[in-house]
Amino acid sequence: MTACDDCLRRTDLIAAMAGRLQIEFKRRSAPGRVLALHDEDLLELAAEAAIRRRYASFEAAAARARATAVGLTTICGCRDAYPGRLRELADPPAVLHVRGDPAVLHIEEAVAVVGARQASNYGLEVAQTLGRGLSAAGVPVVSGLALGVDSAAHEGALKAPGSTIGVLAGSAHVAYPARGRVLHARVVARGAVISELPPGVETHRWCFVARNRIIAALGAVTIVVQATERSGSLTTADFAVELGRTVGAVPGLVTARLSAGTHGLIHAGAPLVRDPTDVLDLLAGATGREFEAPPPAPPPALAPELRRLLDAVEGGRGALTELARTTAEARAALVGLGELERLGLVRRGFAGRWERAVSA
C-alpha cells in the first residue's frame, strides 16, 4: 500500500509552494479551494522557475523512501485504502502520510472533538470526559493533538479501549508541539497520526486551516468544546457544516471569552452538548446506528461530613467563607475539600471558588 507517482508529485508541489500558499490563503474567502486547483494552475500561481524544475524532475521513489525512513505509510486518492469520508471534500488531500494503523481511518462513526488551545480547567475536563466516553463506546476520537482541548480529548480517549486519530499540520512523524511527544507516541500506538504534507516540509499558518478540513471530514460529528469568537476551531465547524455534518457545542459561562464561539454556534442552531450521551445521540442521528453509552461510575461512599460539604459545593456555596463560620470550621472544610479533590469530585475554579468536577 503506497501512493502513486502523480499524487506524490502533487504533494511535493504543495510542499514546495508552502510560502506562496500562505499568501493565497489570506486572499481567498474560501482559502481551502486553492488546494483544489490542478497542478498546472498551481504552477502558474507559483510563477517560479525553480518550482517548475522541481516538479519536472520529481522522483517518486525518493519521496517514498523518505516517508518510509521515518515510519510513514503513504495512501493516495487513487487507492481503495483512501478514507471514503475524505473524498467528500472539494479539495481532498492527494496523499495521506500515516503513522500508525491506517485501518482506523475507515471507521465511519468517528467524532471530532476540538477547541481552544488555552482552555480552562472546565474545558479540559469536558474534553477529556467526552473523549473517554466516546472511546468507551467504541467511537474513534479525532482531533489535532494541539495543546488544550485537542490533547485533553486524545488523553480521554486513551483512558478507554477505543482508538483515536491525530491530524497534524506538519509531518505526521514529528510531534507538534514538541512537548507532546509522549501523547503523539501513544496516539500512534492506539490509532494513527496523519498529515497531508510530506516529511521535511516547513509548516505555515495555512497548514493548520487546511488540517482542520481533514479533521471535519473524518468526523461524522464535530464537537466544539471551548472557542473564542475568532478561534481556529470554528473553521473546523465551518468545514463540517459545509460537508453536511452535524456540529455540536458545549456551553460555558456567558461571561467567559472562551464561551463566545461555542455560544455563537448554539445560538445559530448547533445542538447543545452536555456529556458523551448527547454526542452519541447526535452520532446515532448522523449514522443511523445506535450507540450504547458506558454506564456512569457509581458514586463513592462518603462520610456524612464529606457528603454535606459536597452538597454545599454543588449548591453553589463554593467559597470558604460560605462553607465555614469559624477558624476551626475553615480548617475542617479545607481538609474535607482536599479529600474531595483527591477523589476527583471537586476542583478549584474561578477566583479560588470550589466547584463540582465535570468528570465526576
Protein backbone atom coordinates (compact mmCIF):
# COMPACT_ATOMS: atom_id res chain seq x y z
CA MET A 1 0.00 0.00 0.00
CA THR A 2 1.69 3.17 -1.25
CA ALA A 3 0.71 6.35 -3.04
CA CYS A 4 1.05 6.63 -6.81
CA ASP A 5 3.68 8.76 -8.54
CA ASP A 6 1.29 11.52 -9.67
CA CYS A 7 -0.23 12.04 -6.21
CA LEU A 8 3.20 12.11 -4.58
CA ARG A 9 4.34 14.67 -7.16
CA ARG A 10 1.33 16.89 -6.38
CA THR A 11 2.03 16.66 -2.65
CA ASP A 12 5.64 17.68 -3.24
CA LEU A 13 4.40 20.62 -5.32
CA ILE A 14 2.20 21.83 -2.47
CA ALA A 15 5.14 21.47 -0.07
CA ALA A 16 7.35 23.48 -2.43
CA MET A 17 4.71 26.21 -2.64
CA ALA A 18 4.08 26.38 1.11
CA GLY A 19 5.19 30.01 1.41
CA ARG A 20 3.17 31.14 -1.60
CA LEU A 21 0.08 29.31 -0.37
CA GLN A 22 0.19 31.32 2.83
CA ILE A 23 -0.42 34.43 0.71
CA GLU A 24 -3.25 32.74 -1.20
CA PHE A 25 -4.98 31.62 1.97
CA LYS A 26 -5.07 35.26 3.13
CA ARG A 27 -6.52 36.43 -0.18
CA ARG A 28 -9.31 33.96 -0.72
CA SER A 29 -12.68 33.93 1.02
CA ALA A 30 -12.71 30.12 0.80
CA PRO A 31 -8.99 29.51 1.35
CA GLY A 32 -9.06 25.76 1.12
CA ARG A 33 -10.16 25.97 -2.52
CA VAL A 34 -6.65 26.81 -3.62
CA LEU A 35 -5.82 23.20 -2.80
CA ALA A 36 -8.44 22.10 -5.33
CA LEU A 37 -6.54 23.69 -8.23
CA HIS A 38 -4.95 21.38 -10.80
CA ASP A 39 -1.19 21.04 -10.81
CA GLU A 40 -0.71 23.28 -13.84
CA ASP A 41 -2.81 26.02 -12.22
CA LEU A 42 -0.74 25.74 -9.06
CA LEU A 43 2.45 26.03 -11.08
CA GLU A 44 1.14 29.21 -12.72
CA LEU A 45 0.23 30.54 -9.30
CA ALA A 46 3.75 29.81 -8.03
CA ALA A 47 5.31 31.60 -11.04
CA GLU A 48 8.77 30.36 -10.09
CA ALA A 49 11.10 28.55 -12.46
CA ALA A 50 12.71 26.67 -9.57
CA ILE A 51 9.38 25.14 -8.57
CA ARG A 52 8.67 24.13 -12.18
CA ARG A 53 12.09 22.45 -12.39
CA ARG A 54 11.48 20.65 -9.08
CA TYR A 55 8.09 19.47 -10.35
CA ALA A 56 9.54 18.22 -13.66
CA SER A 57 12.42 16.37 -12.01
CA PHE A 58 10.41 14.89 -9.14
CA GLU A 59 11.37 11.32 -8.21
CA ALA A 60 8.53 9.38 -6.64
CA ALA A 61 10.81 6.58 -5.45
CA ALA A 62 12.86 9.07 -3.43
CA ALA A 63 9.69 10.52 -1.87
CA ARG A 64 8.52 7.04 -0.86
CA ALA A 65 11.93 6.27 0.60
CA ARG A 66 11.87 9.47 2.70
CA ALA A 67 8.44 8.61 4.07
CA THR A 68 9.37 5.01 4.80
CA ALA A 69 12.58 6.09 6.55
CA VAL A 70 10.57 7.93 9.21
CA GLY A 71 7.92 5.25 9.59
CA LEU A 72 5.18 6.75 7.41
CA THR A 73 2.78 4.91 5.14
CA THR A 74 1.52 6.83 2.10
CA ILE A 75 -2.05 6.45 0.82
CA CYS A 76 -3.40 8.41 -2.12
CA GLY A 77 -6.85 9.11 -3.50
CA CYS A 78 -6.25 6.66 -6.34
CA ARG A 79 -6.24 3.72 -3.93
CA ASP A 80 -9.12 1.84 -2.28
CA ALA A 81 -7.31 2.27 1.05
CA TYR A 82 -8.01 6.02 0.94
CA PRO A 83 -10.69 7.00 3.51
CA GLY A 84 -14.05 7.45 1.83
CA ARG A 85 -15.08 10.38 4.02
CA LEU A 86 -12.17 12.48 2.74
CA ARG A 87 -13.39 12.07 -0.83
CA GLU A 88 -16.38 14.25 0.08
CA LEU A 89 -14.10 17.28 0.38
CA ALA A 90 -13.94 19.70 -2.53
CA ASP A 91 -10.15 19.59 -2.10
CA PRO A 92 -9.24 16.18 -0.64
CA PRO A 93 -5.57 15.64 0.18
CA ALA A 94 -3.77 13.94 -2.68
CA VAL A 95 -1.78 11.84 -0.21
CA LEU A 96 -2.16 10.92 3.44
CA HIS A 97 1.03 10.25 5.35
CA VAL A 98 0.12 7.86 8.15
CA ARG A 99 1.99 6.89 11.30
CA GLY A 100 0.12 4.05 12.98
CA ASP A 101 -2.75 1.88 11.78
CA PRO A 102 -4.41 3.13 8.56
CA ALA A 103 -7.42 0.89 9.21
CA VAL A 104 -8.78 3.28 11.87
CA LEU A 105 -9.30 5.89 9.14
CA HIS A 106 -12.08 3.75 7.67
CA ILE A 107 -14.28 3.68 10.77
CA GLU A 108 -17.22 5.80 9.64
CA GLU A 109 -18.58 6.52 13.13
CA ALA A 110 -15.78 8.81 14.32
CA VAL A 111 -16.29 12.05 16.25
CA ALA A 112 -14.09 15.13 16.03
CA VAL A 113 -13.56 16.96 19.33
CA VAL A 114 -11.86 20.34 19.00
CA GLY A 115 -11.46 23.55 20.95
CA ALA A 116 -9.24 26.23 22.41
CA ARG A 117 -5.52 25.75 22.97
CA GLN A 118 -5.63 27.94 26.08
CA ALA A 119 -8.60 26.12 27.53
CA SER A 120 -9.83 26.49 31.10
CA ASN A 121 -9.86 23.60 33.57
CA TYR A 122 -13.54 23.24 32.78
CA GLY A 123 -12.85 22.90 29.06
CA LEU A 124 -10.06 20.38 29.63
CA GLU A 125 -12.26 18.29 31.92
CA VAL A 126 -15.17 18.31 29.46
CA ALA A 127 -12.91 17.38 26.53
CA GLN A 128 -11.35 14.53 28.47
CA THR A 129 -14.74 13.30 29.64
CA LEU A 130 -16.10 13.33 26.09
CA GLY A 131 -13.00 11.57 24.74
CA ARG A 132 -13.18 8.86 27.40
CA GLY A 133 -16.92 8.32 27.00
CA LEU A 134 -16.75 8.08 23.22
CA SER A 135 -13.78 5.73 23.35
CA ALA A 136 -15.57 3.52 25.87
CA ALA A 137 -18.48 3.30 23.42
CA GLY A 138 -16.11 2.18 20.66
CA VAL A 139 -16.17 5.52 18.81
CA PRO A 140 -12.85 6.85 17.48
CA VAL A 141 -11.97 10.37 18.61
CA VAL A 142 -10.42 12.69 16.01
CA SER A 143 -8.55 15.85 16.97
CA GLY A 144 -5.44 17.89 16.21
CA LEU A 145 -3.02 16.92 19.01
CA ALA A 146 -2.65 20.61 19.86
CA LEU A 147 -2.37 21.89 23.40
CA GLY A 148 -5.59 22.40 25.33
CA VAL A 149 -8.85 20.79 24.26
CA ASP A 150 -7.32 18.66 21.49
CA SER A 151 -4.80 16.98 23.75
CA ALA A 152 -7.40 16.53 26.50
CA ALA A 153 -9.75 14.77 24.05
CA HIS A 154 -6.96 12.41 22.98
CA GLU A 155 -5.98 11.78 26.61
CA GLY A 156 -9.56 10.94 27.46
CA ALA A 157 -9.84 8.53 24.53
CA LEU A 158 -6.68 6.77 25.68
CA LYS A 159 -8.26 6.15 29.11
CA ALA A 160 -10.77 3.78 27.46
CA PRO A 161 -10.36 0.92 24.95
CA GLY A 162 -11.23 2.80 21.75
CA SER A 163 -8.97 4.34 19.12
CA THR A 164 -8.01 7.93 18.42
CA ILE A 165 -6.73 9.82 15.37
CA GLY A 166 -4.45 12.85 15.43
CA VAL A 167 -4.31 15.14 12.39
CA LEU A 168 -1.21 17.33 12.12
CA ALA A 169 -0.47 20.45 10.10
CA GLY A 170 3.15 19.33 9.64
CA SER A 171 4.74 15.94 9.12
CA ALA A 172 2.96 13.08 10.86
CA HIS A 173 6.17 11.66 12.31
CA VAL A 174 7.09 14.84 14.22
CA ALA A 175 5.21 15.64 17.43
CA TYR A 176 3.63 19.09 17.46
CA PRO A 177 4.07 20.76 19.82
CA ALA A 178 7.39 19.17 20.77
CA ARG A 179 6.29 18.79 24.39
CA GLY A 180 3.56 16.44 23.14
CA ARG A 181 5.97 13.67 22.13
CA VAL A 182 4.60 11.18 24.65
CA LEU A 183 0.99 11.78 23.67
CA HIS A 184 1.94 11.60 19.98
CA ALA A 185 3.51 8.17 20.52
CA ARG A 186 0.50 6.93 22.50
CA VAL A 187 -1.92 8.02 19.77
CA VAL A 188 0.21 6.26 17.15
CA ALA A 189 0.11 3.08 19.26
CA ARG A 190 -3.68 3.22 19.73
CA GLY A 191 -4.74 4.59 16.36
CA ALA A 192 -2.96 6.84 13.89
CA VAL A 193 -1.38 10.25 13.38
CA ILE A 194 -1.80 11.60 9.86
CA SER A 195 -0.90 14.57 7.68
CA GLU A 196 -1.29 15.53 4.05
CA LEU A 197 2.21 17.02 4.00
CA PRO A 198 5.40 15.01 3.48
CA PRO A 199 8.31 14.84 5.94
CA GLY A 200 10.61 17.85 5.97
CA VAL A 201 8.08 20.48 4.92
CA GLU A 202 8.06 23.87 6.63
CA THR A 203 4.76 24.44 8.45
CA HIS A 204 2.88 27.70 7.79
CA ARG A 205 -0.31 29.07 9.32
CA TRP A 206 -2.39 27.96 6.35
CA CYS A 207 -1.43 24.36 7.11
CA PHE A 208 -3.48 24.49 10.31
CA VAL A 209 -6.58 25.72 8.49
CA ALA A 210 -6.08 23.02 5.86
CA ARG A 211 -5.60 20.46 8.63
CA ASN A 212 -8.99 21.43 10.07
CA ARG A 213 -10.85 20.37 6.94
CA ILE A 214 -9.39 16.86 7.33
CA ILE A 215 -10.50 16.69 10.97
CA ALA A 216 -14.00 17.78 9.97
CA ALA A 217 -14.16 15.28 7.10
CA LEU A 218 -13.07 12.32 9.22
CA GLY A 219 -15.72 13.01 11.86
CA ALA A 220 -19.36 12.10 11.30
CA VAL A 221 -19.98 14.64 14.07
CA THR A 222 -17.83 17.57 15.22
CA ILE A 223 -17.99 18.86 18.80
CA VAL A 224 -16.52 22.25 19.77
CA VAL A 225 -15.75 22.39 23.49
CA GLN A 226 -14.40 25.93 24.02
CA ALA A 227 -13.70 28.65 21.46
CA THR A 228 -13.36 32.40 21.30
CA GLU A 229 -15.18 34.32 18.59
CA ARG A 230 -12.12 34.08 16.30
CA SER A 231 -10.97 30.62 17.31
CA GLY A 232 -9.45 28.37 14.67
CA SER A 233 -11.71 25.62 16.00
CA LEU A 234 -14.64 27.40 14.39
CA THR A 235 -13.07 26.80 10.96
CA THR A 236 -13.36 23.08 11.70
CA ALA A 237 -17.05 23.62 12.47
CA ASP A 238 -17.44 25.60 9.23
CA PHE A 239 -15.87 22.80 7.19
CA ALA A 240 -18.12 20.25 8.92
CA VAL A 241 -21.25 22.27 8.13
CA GLU A 242 -20.11 22.62 4.53
CA LEU A 243 -19.88 18.84 4.35
CA GLY A 244 -23.38 18.47 5.77
CA ARG A 245 -22.09 17.03 9.03
CA THR A 246 -23.56 17.61 12.48
CA VAL A 247 -21.82 20.19 14.68
CA GLY A 248 -22.47 20.33 18.43
CA ALA A 249 -21.14 22.73 21.03
CA VAL A 250 -20.50 22.68 24.76
CA PRO A 251 -21.92 25.62 26.74
CA GLY A 252 -19.90 27.59 29.27
CA LEU A 253 -20.06 30.74 31.35
CA VAL A 254 -21.83 33.51 29.43
CA THR A 255 -19.24 35.96 30.74
CA ALA A 256 -16.25 33.88 29.58
CA ARG A 257 -14.40 34.78 26.38
CA LEU A 258 -13.79 31.08 25.78
CA SER A 259 -17.55 30.53 25.58
CA ALA A 260 -18.23 33.16 22.92
CA GLY A 261 -17.55 30.85 19.96
CA THR A 262 -19.49 27.88 21.30
CA HIS A 263 -22.42 30.03 22.39
CA GLY A 264 -22.46 31.53 18.91
CA LEU A 265 -22.77 28.06 17.44
CA ILE A 266 -25.58 27.16 19.85
CA HIS A 267 -27.37 30.43 19.10
CA ALA A 268 -27.12 29.59 15.39
CA GLY A 269 -28.78 26.22 15.98
CA ALA A 270 -25.97 23.81 16.90
CA PRO A 271 -27.12 21.15 19.38
CA LEU A 272 -26.04 21.78 22.96
CA VAL A 273 -23.71 19.06 24.25
CA ARG A 274 -23.54 18.21 27.96
CA ASP A 275 -21.90 14.79 28.05
CA PRO A 276 -20.89 11.74 25.95
CA THR A 277 -24.50 10.54 25.80
CA ASP A 278 -25.51 13.72 23.97
CA VAL A 279 -22.71 13.15 21.46
CA LEU A 280 -23.66 9.51 20.95
CA ASP A 281 -27.25 10.59 20.29
CA LEU A 282 -26.02 13.02 17.64
CA LEU A 283 -23.84 10.29 16.15
CA ALA A 284 -26.80 7.91 16.02
CA GLY A 285 -28.81 10.53 14.15
CA ALA A 286 -25.95 11.13 11.72
CA THR A 287 -25.14 7.49 11.01
CA GLY A 288 -28.38 5.61 11.67
CA ARG A 289 -26.57 3.35 14.11
CA GLU A 290 -27.32 3.15 17.81
CA PHE A 291 -24.53 3.53 20.35
CA GLU A 292 -24.63 2.46 23.95
CA ALA A 293 -23.15 4.92 26.40
CA PRO A 294 -20.99 3.36 29.11
CA PRO A 295 -22.73 3.25 32.49
CA PRO A 296 -21.72 6.03 34.86
CA ALA A 297 -19.32 5.11 37.62
CA PRO A 298 -21.11 4.54 40.92
CA PRO A 299 -20.70 7.46 43.31
CA PRO A 300 -18.12 6.82 46.01
CA ALA A 301 -19.33 6.19 49.53
CA LEU A 302 -18.70 9.36 51.51
CA ALA A 303 -18.65 10.06 55.20
CA PRO A 304 -21.59 12.27 56.26
CA GLU A 305 -19.41 15.36 56.73
CA LEU A 306 -17.91 14.95 53.24
CA ARG A 307 -21.36 14.43 51.74
CA ARG A 308 -22.61 17.65 53.40
CA LEU A 309 -19.57 19.51 52.08
CA LEU A 310 -20.07 18.18 48.53
CA ASP A 311 -23.78 19.06 48.62
CA ALA A 312 -22.86 22.59 49.68
CA VAL A 313 -20.42 22.97 46.79
CA GLU A 314 -22.98 21.58 44.33
CA GLY A 315 -25.48 24.09 45.72
CA GLY A 316 -23.22 26.97 44.75
CA ARG A 317 -21.56 27.63 48.09
CA GLY A 318 -18.00 27.31 46.80
CA ALA A 319 -16.18 30.00 48.77
CA LEU A 320 -14.54 29.06 52.05
CA THR A 321 -16.44 31.89 53.76
CA GLU A 322 -19.69 30.25 52.64
CA LEU A 323 -18.63 26.84 53.95
CA ALA A 324 -17.30 27.82 57.37
CA ARG A 325 -18.04 30.43 60.03
CA THR A 326 -15.11 29.84 62.39
CA THR A 327 -11.40 29.14 62.04
CA ALA A 328 -11.89 25.56 63.21
CA GLU A 329 -14.68 25.01 60.69
CA ALA A 330 -12.49 26.51 57.96
CA ARG A 331 -9.66 24.09 58.75
CA ALA A 332 -12.05 21.15 58.70
CA ALA A 333 -13.58 22.35 55.43
CA LEU A 334 -10.16 22.63 53.78
CA VAL A 335 -9.28 19.09 54.87
CA GLY A 336 -12.59 17.84 53.51
CA LEU A 337 -12.22 19.73 50.25
CA GLY A 338 -8.75 18.29 49.81
CA GLU A 339 -10.18 14.79 50.19
CA LEU A 340 -12.99 15.51 47.73
CA GLU A 341 -10.45 16.89 45.29
CA ARG A 342 -8.34 13.75 45.64
CA LEU A 343 -11.43 11.70 44.80
CA GLY A 344 -11.98 13.81 41.69
CA LEU A 345 -15.28 15.20 42.94
CA VAL A 346 -14.40 18.90 43.27
CA ARG A 347 -11.80 21.31 41.95
CA ARG A 348 -10.77 24.91 42.42
CA GLY A 349 -12.42 27.15 39.88
CA PHE A 350 -12.52 30.84 39.08
CA ALA A 351 -11.34 33.16 41.88
CA GLY A 352 -10.47 30.17 44.04
CA ARG A 353 -14.05 29.02 44.47
CA TRP A 354 -14.63 25.29 44.79
CA GLU A 355 -16.92 23.63 42.26
CA ARG A 356 -18.06 20.17 41.25
CA ALA A 357 -15.63 18.48 38.86
CA VAL A 358 -17.08 17.96 35.39
CA SER A 359 -15.72 14.42 35.09
CA ALA A 360 -17.23 13.37 38.42
